[in-house]
């Protein structure tokens, strides 16, 4: 469980995302905000689909193995 980012940090790193957004959009914003490796790794593992808002992203990250 230690490899999942803190949900609050995840949302801080995704501040300003224009939803709906795809996985690549989320990764770009997170990297632009200087997100830590834990956040970037989690975003790389979520399904590549369209996310309609921050709650959808948080759920996808929480559902990771």
N, C-alpha and C. Protein backbone atom coordinates (compact mmCIF):
# COMPACT_ATOMS: atom_id res chain seq x y z
N UNK A 1 0.82 -1.20 0.00
CA UNK A 1 0.00 0.00 0.00
C UNK A 1 0.86 1.26 0.00
N UNK A 2 2.10 1.14 0.40
CA UNK A 2 2.96 2.30 0.48
C UNK A 2 3.30 2.93 -0.85
N UNK A 3 2.93 2.26 -1.96
CA UNK A 3 3.28 2.81 -3.27
C UNK A 3 2.17 3.68 -3.85
N UNK A 4 1.08 3.88 -3.12
CA UNK A 4 0.01 4.76 -3.59
C UNK A 4 0.22 6.15 -3.01
N UNK A 5 0.05 7.16 -3.84
CA UNK A 5 0.27 8.53 -3.35
C UNK A 5 -0.86 8.97 -2.41
N UNK A 6 -0.54 9.92 -1.58
CA UNK A 6 -1.53 10.55 -0.72
C UNK A 6 -2.57 11.23 -1.62
N UNK A 7 -3.87 10.96 -1.39
CA UNK A 7 -4.91 11.55 -2.26
C UNK A 7 -4.88 13.08 -2.31
N UNK A 8 -4.54 13.70 -1.20
CA UNK A 8 -4.48 15.17 -1.17
C UNK A 8 -3.32 15.65 -2.04
N UNK A 9 -2.17 14.99 -1.92
CA UNK A 9 -1.02 15.36 -2.75
C UNK A 9 -1.32 15.13 -4.22
N UNK A 10 -2.00 14.04 -4.52
CA UNK A 10 -2.38 13.74 -5.90
C UNK A 10 -3.20 14.90 -6.48
N UNK A 11 -4.19 15.36 -5.73
CA UNK A 11 -5.03 16.45 -6.23
C UNK A 11 -4.26 17.77 -6.35
N UNK A 12 -3.32 18.01 -5.44
CA UNK A 12 -2.48 19.22 -5.55
C UNK A 12 -1.66 19.17 -6.83
N UNK A 13 -1.11 17.99 -7.13
CA UNK A 13 -0.27 17.84 -8.32
C UNK A 13 -1.09 17.92 -9.61
N UNK A 14 -2.40 17.71 -9.51
CA UNK A 14 -3.26 17.76 -10.69
C UNK A 14 -4.06 19.06 -10.77
N UNK A 15 -3.73 20.02 -9.92
CA UNK A 15 -4.46 21.29 -9.92
C UNK A 15 -4.36 21.95 -11.29
N UNK A 16 -5.50 22.38 -11.79
CA UNK A 16 -5.52 23.07 -13.07
C UNK A 16 -5.79 22.17 -14.26
N UNK A 17 -6.00 20.87 -14.03
CA UNK A 17 -6.31 19.97 -15.15
C UNK A 17 -7.66 20.38 -15.74
N UNK A 18 -7.71 20.39 -17.06
CA UNK A 18 -8.94 20.71 -17.77
C UNK A 18 -9.66 19.40 -18.05
N UNK A 19 -10.69 19.10 -17.25
CA UNK A 19 -11.45 17.86 -17.42
C UNK A 19 -12.54 18.05 -18.45
N UNK A 20 -12.90 16.98 -19.17
CA UNK A 20 -12.36 15.63 -19.09
C UNK A 20 -10.92 15.58 -19.60
N UNK A 21 -10.16 14.66 -19.02
CA UNK A 21 -8.74 14.55 -19.36
C UNK A 21 -8.35 13.08 -19.49
N UNK A 22 -7.41 12.83 -20.38
CA UNK A 22 -6.89 11.48 -20.56
C UNK A 22 -5.65 11.29 -19.68
N UNK A 23 -5.20 10.07 -19.60
CA UNK A 23 -4.04 9.74 -18.78
C UNK A 23 -2.83 10.61 -19.14
N UNK A 24 -2.57 10.79 -20.42
CA UNK A 24 -1.41 11.59 -20.85
C UNK A 24 -1.52 13.04 -20.38
N UNK A 25 -2.74 13.58 -20.39
CA UNK A 25 -2.96 14.96 -19.92
C UNK A 25 -2.65 15.06 -18.42
N UNK A 26 -3.11 14.07 -17.67
CA UNK A 26 -2.88 14.05 -16.23
C UNK A 26 -1.39 13.97 -15.93
N UNK A 27 -0.68 13.11 -16.66
CA UNK A 27 0.76 12.97 -16.45
C UNK A 27 1.50 14.27 -16.77
N UNK A 28 1.10 14.93 -17.85
CA UNK A 28 1.77 16.18 -18.21
C UNK A 28 1.60 17.24 -17.12
N UNK A 29 0.37 17.42 -16.64
CA UNK A 29 0.13 18.42 -15.60
C UNK A 29 0.89 18.06 -14.33
N UNK A 30 0.85 16.78 -13.94
CA UNK A 30 1.54 16.36 -12.73
C UNK A 30 3.04 16.63 -12.84
N UNK A 31 3.62 16.28 -13.98
CA UNK A 31 5.06 16.52 -14.18
C UNK A 31 5.37 18.01 -14.20
N UNK A 32 4.50 18.79 -14.82
CA UNK A 32 4.70 20.24 -14.86
C UNK A 32 4.66 20.86 -13.45
N UNK A 33 3.91 20.23 -12.55
CA UNK A 33 3.82 20.70 -11.17
C UNK A 33 4.93 20.10 -10.30
N UNK A 34 5.82 19.32 -10.90
CA UNK A 34 6.92 18.74 -10.14
C UNK A 34 6.48 17.62 -9.22
N UNK A 35 5.49 16.86 -9.65
CA UNK A 35 4.98 15.76 -8.84
C UNK A 35 6.07 14.75 -8.51
N UNK A 36 5.96 14.16 -7.35
CA UNK A 36 6.90 13.14 -6.92
C UNK A 36 6.74 11.86 -7.72
N UNK A 37 7.72 10.98 -7.59
CA UNK A 37 7.70 9.73 -8.34
C UNK A 37 6.50 8.86 -7.98
N UNK A 38 6.06 8.94 -6.73
CA UNK A 38 4.90 8.14 -6.30
C UNK A 38 3.65 8.52 -7.09
N UNK A 39 3.43 9.82 -7.28
CA UNK A 39 2.26 10.30 -8.02
C UNK A 39 2.40 9.93 -9.51
N UNK A 40 3.57 10.19 -10.08
CA UNK A 40 3.79 9.89 -11.50
C UNK A 40 3.61 8.40 -11.76
N UNK A 41 4.17 7.55 -10.91
CA UNK A 41 4.06 6.10 -11.09
C UNK A 41 2.60 5.66 -11.05
N UNK A 42 1.85 6.20 -10.10
CA UNK A 42 0.44 5.82 -9.99
C UNK A 42 -0.32 6.24 -11.24
N UNK A 43 -0.07 7.44 -11.73
CA UNK A 43 -0.76 7.91 -12.93
C UNK A 43 -0.38 7.09 -14.16
N UNK A 44 0.86 6.61 -14.20
CA UNK A 44 1.29 5.77 -15.33
C UNK A 44 0.56 4.43 -15.33
N UNK A 45 0.08 3.99 -14.17
CA UNK A 45 -0.55 2.68 -14.04
C UNK A 45 -2.06 2.69 -14.22
N UNK A 46 -2.70 3.87 -14.15
CA UNK A 46 -4.15 3.89 -14.29
C UNK A 46 -4.53 3.65 -15.75
N UNK A 47 -5.74 3.15 -15.98
CA UNK A 47 -6.16 2.90 -17.37
C UNK A 47 -6.15 4.18 -18.21
N UNK A 48 -5.76 4.02 -19.48
CA UNK A 48 -5.73 5.17 -20.40
C UNK A 48 -7.14 5.35 -20.95
N UNK A 49 -7.89 6.18 -20.26
CA UNK A 49 -9.26 6.50 -20.67
C UNK A 49 -9.52 7.95 -20.32
N UNK A 50 -10.70 8.42 -20.59
CA UNK A 50 -11.06 9.79 -20.27
C UNK A 50 -11.62 9.86 -18.85
N UNK A 51 -11.06 10.75 -18.04
CA UNK A 51 -11.51 10.95 -16.66
C UNK A 51 -12.30 12.24 -16.61
N UNK A 52 -13.49 12.17 -15.98
CA UNK A 52 -14.36 13.33 -16.00
C UNK A 52 -14.13 14.31 -14.85
N UNK A 53 -13.26 13.96 -13.93
CA UNK A 53 -12.97 14.88 -12.83
C UNK A 53 -12.00 14.28 -11.84
N UNK A 54 -11.61 15.06 -10.83
CA UNK A 54 -10.62 14.60 -9.86
C UNK A 54 -11.05 13.35 -9.10
N UNK A 55 -12.34 13.21 -8.81
CA UNK A 55 -12.79 12.02 -8.08
C UNK A 55 -12.58 10.75 -8.88
N UNK A 56 -12.78 10.83 -10.20
CA UNK A 56 -12.55 9.68 -11.06
C UNK A 56 -11.08 9.27 -11.06
N UNK A 57 -10.20 10.26 -11.05
CA UNK A 57 -8.75 9.97 -11.01
C UNK A 57 -8.39 9.33 -9.66
N UNK A 58 -8.89 9.92 -8.59
CA UNK A 58 -8.61 9.38 -7.25
C UNK A 58 -9.09 7.94 -7.13
N UNK A 59 -10.27 7.66 -7.68
CA UNK A 59 -10.81 6.29 -7.62
C UNK A 59 -9.93 5.33 -8.41
N UNK A 60 -9.50 5.75 -9.61
CA UNK A 60 -8.65 4.89 -10.44
C UNK A 60 -7.35 4.57 -9.71
N UNK A 61 -6.77 5.57 -9.04
CA UNK A 61 -5.52 5.35 -8.29
C UNK A 61 -5.78 4.44 -7.10
N UNK A 62 -6.89 4.65 -6.40
CA UNK A 62 -7.22 3.82 -5.24
C UNK A 62 -7.47 2.37 -5.64
N UNK A 63 -7.96 2.16 -6.86
CA UNK A 63 -8.28 0.81 -7.33
C UNK A 63 -7.06 0.06 -7.83
N UNK A 64 -5.90 0.71 -7.90
CA UNK A 64 -4.69 0.03 -8.36
C UNK A 64 -4.34 -1.10 -7.39
N UNK A 65 -3.94 -2.24 -7.95
CA UNK A 65 -3.57 -3.41 -7.17
C UNK A 65 -2.96 -3.09 -5.92
